[in-house]
Every structure is written in C-alpha cells, then in structure tokens.
Amino acid sequence: PETSIEDCCRLLEKNQIRRVPVIDQTGRCCGMVSQADIAKAAPTEQTAEVLKQVSEPSEHASRVAA
C-alpha cells in the first residue's frame, strides 16, 4: 500500500470505477479502497470531483449497454 489517495482518485476517475483493490508486496489482495473511504480521508473539493468524474457515463458503459 504505497499508492497515494490522489493516485487512487485518478484511477477511479480514469476507469470510472468505485472501488480498487489493495495489493500487498506478494501480489495478494489485502483489502479494497472505496469512494466512501476516500470521501472520509480526502478534502471536500477533491471528493466532489471524484464523485463527479466517476458518476459521468463513459463510452465503455454505453457499449456494454448496447
């Protein structure tokens, strides 16, 4: 767990996802970071931006629904 909250936010925004796994040094999943976790830890303005970006429809979502 060396990834910063900012990097998690970028990952959530880029992939329009709401959770990311936390992987240990051996590659095993040892937890999850959710939007709610970030909302509790991040400044309000950063949380609002992440929620906005993740909530916008993506091109991928449109293709899946079709």
N, C-alpha and C. Protein backbone atom coordinates (compact mmCIF):
# COMPACT_ATOMS: atom_id res chain seq x y z
N PRO A 1 0.82 -1.21 0.00
CA PRO A 1 0.00 0.00 0.00
C PRO A 1 0.86 1.27 0.00
N GLU A 2 1.47 1.52 -1.14
CA GLU A 2 2.29 2.72 -1.28
C GLU A 2 1.60 3.77 -2.15
N THR A 3 0.44 3.47 -2.69
CA THR A 3 -0.26 4.39 -3.57
C THR A 3 -0.96 5.46 -2.76
N SER A 4 -0.85 6.69 -3.21
CA SER A 4 -1.46 7.82 -2.50
C SER A 4 -2.96 7.89 -2.78
N ILE A 5 -3.65 8.66 -1.96
CA ILE A 5 -5.08 8.90 -2.17
C ILE A 5 -5.29 9.57 -3.53
N GLU A 6 -4.39 10.48 -3.87
CA GLU A 6 -4.50 11.18 -5.16
C GLU A 6 -4.42 10.19 -6.32
N ASP A 7 -3.49 9.23 -6.23
CA ASP A 7 -3.37 8.23 -7.28
C ASP A 7 -4.61 7.34 -7.34
N CYS A 8 -5.17 7.01 -6.19
CA CYS A 8 -6.42 6.23 -6.16
C CYS A 8 -7.54 7.01 -6.84
N CYS A 9 -7.62 8.30 -6.55
CA CYS A 9 -8.64 9.15 -7.17
C CYS A 9 -8.49 9.16 -8.69
N ARG A 10 -7.26 9.30 -9.15
CA ARG A 10 -7.02 9.30 -10.60
C ARG A 10 -7.43 7.96 -11.22
N LEU A 11 -7.15 6.87 -10.54
CA LEU A 11 -7.51 5.55 -11.04
C LEU A 11 -9.03 5.39 -11.10
N LEU A 12 -9.72 5.84 -10.07
CA LEU A 12 -11.18 5.79 -10.06
C LEU A 12 -11.75 6.61 -11.20
N GLU A 13 -11.24 7.83 -11.37
CA GLU A 13 -11.73 8.72 -12.43
C GLU A 13 -11.45 8.13 -13.81
N LYS A 14 -10.22 7.72 -14.04
CA LYS A 14 -9.81 7.22 -15.35
C LYS A 14 -10.65 6.03 -15.79
N ASN A 15 -10.92 5.13 -14.86
CA ASN A 15 -11.64 3.90 -15.19
C ASN A 15 -13.11 3.94 -14.83
N GLN A 16 -13.55 5.05 -14.28
CA GLN A 16 -14.94 5.23 -13.84
C GLN A 16 -15.41 4.02 -13.03
N ILE A 17 -14.65 3.76 -11.98
CA ILE A 17 -14.98 2.67 -11.07
C ILE A 17 -15.14 3.23 -9.66
N ARG A 18 -15.70 2.47 -8.76
CA ARG A 18 -15.99 2.95 -7.41
C ARG A 18 -15.13 2.30 -6.33
N ARG A 19 -14.39 1.26 -6.70
CA ARG A 19 -13.53 0.57 -5.74
C ARG A 19 -12.27 0.09 -6.44
N VAL A 20 -11.17 0.05 -5.69
CA VAL A 20 -9.92 -0.52 -6.22
C VAL A 20 -9.35 -1.47 -5.18
N PRO A 21 -8.75 -2.56 -5.63
CA PRO A 21 -8.13 -3.48 -4.67
C PRO A 21 -6.82 -2.92 -4.13
N VAL A 22 -6.50 -3.32 -2.92
CA VAL A 22 -5.20 -3.02 -2.32
C VAL A 22 -4.40 -4.31 -2.40
N ILE A 23 -3.25 -4.23 -3.05
CA ILE A 23 -2.42 -5.40 -3.29
C ILE A 23 -1.14 -5.29 -2.46
N ASP A 24 -0.77 -6.37 -1.78
CA ASP A 24 0.47 -6.34 -0.98
C ASP A 24 1.68 -6.64 -1.86
N GLN A 25 2.85 -6.71 -1.24
CA GLN A 25 4.10 -6.91 -1.98
C GLN A 25 4.16 -8.24 -2.72
N THR A 26 3.37 -9.21 -2.28
CA THR A 26 3.38 -10.52 -2.94
C THR A 26 2.33 -10.62 -4.04
N GLY A 27 1.55 -9.54 -4.25
CA GLY A 27 0.52 -9.55 -5.27
C GLY A 27 -0.83 -10.04 -4.80
N ARG A 28 -0.96 -10.28 -3.50
CA ARG A 28 -2.23 -10.75 -2.95
C ARG A 28 -3.11 -9.57 -2.57
N CYS A 29 -4.40 -9.71 -2.80
CA CYS A 29 -5.35 -8.67 -2.41
C CYS A 29 -5.48 -8.69 -0.89
N CYS A 30 -5.25 -7.53 -0.28
CA CYS A 30 -5.35 -7.45 1.18
C CYS A 30 -6.42 -6.46 1.62
N GLY A 31 -7.21 -5.95 0.66
CA GLY A 31 -8.28 -5.03 1.01
C GLY A 31 -8.81 -4.31 -0.21
N MET A 32 -9.71 -3.38 0.05
CA MET A 32 -10.30 -2.56 -1.01
C MET A 32 -10.35 -1.12 -0.53
N VAL A 33 -10.22 -0.19 -1.47
CA VAL A 33 -10.44 1.23 -1.20
C VAL A 33 -11.66 1.63 -2.00
N SER A 34 -12.64 2.20 -1.32
CA SER A 34 -13.88 2.60 -1.98
C SER A 34 -14.00 4.12 -2.03
N GLN A 35 -14.98 4.59 -2.78
CA GLN A 35 -15.26 6.02 -2.81
C GLN A 35 -15.53 6.53 -1.40
N ALA A 36 -16.24 5.76 -0.61
CA ALA A 36 -16.55 6.18 0.76
C ALA A 36 -15.28 6.34 1.59
N ASP A 37 -14.32 5.45 1.41
CA ASP A 37 -13.04 5.57 2.12
C ASP A 37 -12.34 6.87 1.76
N ILE A 38 -12.34 7.18 0.47
CA ILE A 38 -11.70 8.41 0.01
C ILE A 38 -12.47 9.63 0.51
N ALA A 39 -13.79 9.55 0.51
CA ALA A 39 -14.60 10.67 0.99
C ALA A 39 -14.29 10.97 2.45
N LYS A 40 -14.02 9.95 3.24
CA LYS A 40 -13.69 10.16 4.65
C LYS A 40 -12.31 10.76 4.84
N ALA A 41 -11.38 10.45 3.93
CA ALA A 41 -9.98 10.87 4.10
C ALA A 41 -9.58 12.10 3.31
N ALA A 42 -10.28 12.39 2.22
CA ALA A 42 -9.86 13.45 1.31
C ALA A 42 -10.55 14.78 1.62
N PRO A 43 -9.92 15.88 1.19
CA PRO A 43 -10.58 17.19 1.32
C PRO A 43 -11.89 17.21 0.53
N THR A 44 -12.84 17.98 0.97
CA THR A 44 -14.18 18.03 0.37
C THR A 44 -14.13 18.29 -1.13
N GLU A 45 -13.33 19.26 -1.58
CA GLU A 45 -13.30 19.58 -3.01
C GLU A 45 -12.77 18.42 -3.84
N GLN A 46 -11.85 17.66 -3.31
CA GLN A 46 -11.33 16.50 -4.04
C GLN A 46 -12.39 15.40 -4.11
N THR A 47 -13.10 15.18 -3.03
CA THR A 47 -14.14 14.16 -3.00
C THR A 47 -15.23 14.49 -4.02
N ALA A 48 -15.64 15.74 -4.06
CA ALA A 48 -16.69 16.15 -5.00
C ALA A 48 -16.26 15.90 -6.44
N GLU A 49 -15.01 16.19 -6.76
CA GLU A 49 -14.52 15.99 -8.13
C GLU A 49 -14.47 14.51 -8.49
N VAL A 50 -14.03 13.66 -7.58
CA VAL A 50 -14.01 12.22 -7.85
C VAL A 50 -15.42 11.70 -8.10
N LEU A 51 -16.35 12.07 -7.24
CA LEU A 51 -17.73 11.62 -7.41
C LEU A 51 -18.29 12.08 -8.75
N LYS A 52 -17.99 13.30 -9.13
CA LYS A 52 -18.47 13.83 -10.41
C LYS A 52 -17.91 13.02 -11.57
N GLN A 53 -16.60 12.79 -11.56
CA GLN A 53 -15.95 12.07 -12.66
C GLN A 53 -16.41 10.61 -12.75
N VAL A 54 -16.54 9.96 -11.62
CA VAL A 54 -16.93 8.55 -11.62
C VAL A 54 -18.39 8.38 -12.01
N SER A 55 -19.22 9.37 -11.71
CA SER A 55 -20.65 9.28 -11.96
C SER A 55 -21.03 9.59 -13.40
N GLU A 56 -20.14 10.23 -14.16
CA GLU A 56 -20.45 10.55 -15.54
C GLU A 56 -20.42 9.28 -16.38
N PRO A 57 -21.38 9.16 -17.32
CA PRO A 57 -21.40 7.98 -18.19
C PRO A 57 -20.12 7.90 -19.01
N SER A 58 -19.66 6.71 -19.23
CA SER A 58 -18.44 6.52 -20.02
C SER A 58 -18.80 5.90 -21.36
N GLU A 59 -17.87 5.99 -22.30
CA GLU A 59 -18.04 5.34 -23.59
C GLU A 59 -18.15 3.83 -23.40
N HIS A 60 -17.37 3.29 -22.46
CA HIS A 60 -17.40 1.86 -22.16
C HIS A 60 -18.79 1.43 -21.69
N ALA A 61 -19.39 2.20 -20.80
CA ALA A 61 -20.72 1.86 -20.28
C ALA A 61 -21.74 1.85 -21.40
N SER A 62 -21.61 2.77 -22.35
CA SER A 62 -22.54 2.83 -23.47
C SER A 62 -22.42 1.58 -24.34
N ARG A 63 -21.20 1.12 -24.56
CA ARG A 63 -21.00 -0.07 -25.39
C ARG A 63 -21.51 -1.32 -24.69
N VAL A 64 -21.36 -1.40 -23.38
CA VAL A 64 -21.82 -2.57 -22.64
C VAL A 64 -23.33 -2.66 -22.67
N ALA A 65 -24.00 -1.51 -22.54
CA ALA A 65 -25.46 -1.49 -22.51
C ALA A 65 -26.07 -1.79 -23.86
N ALA A 66 -25.34 -1.57 -24.93
CA ALA A 66 -25.89 -1.74 -26.28
C ALA A 66 -26.02 -3.19 -26.67
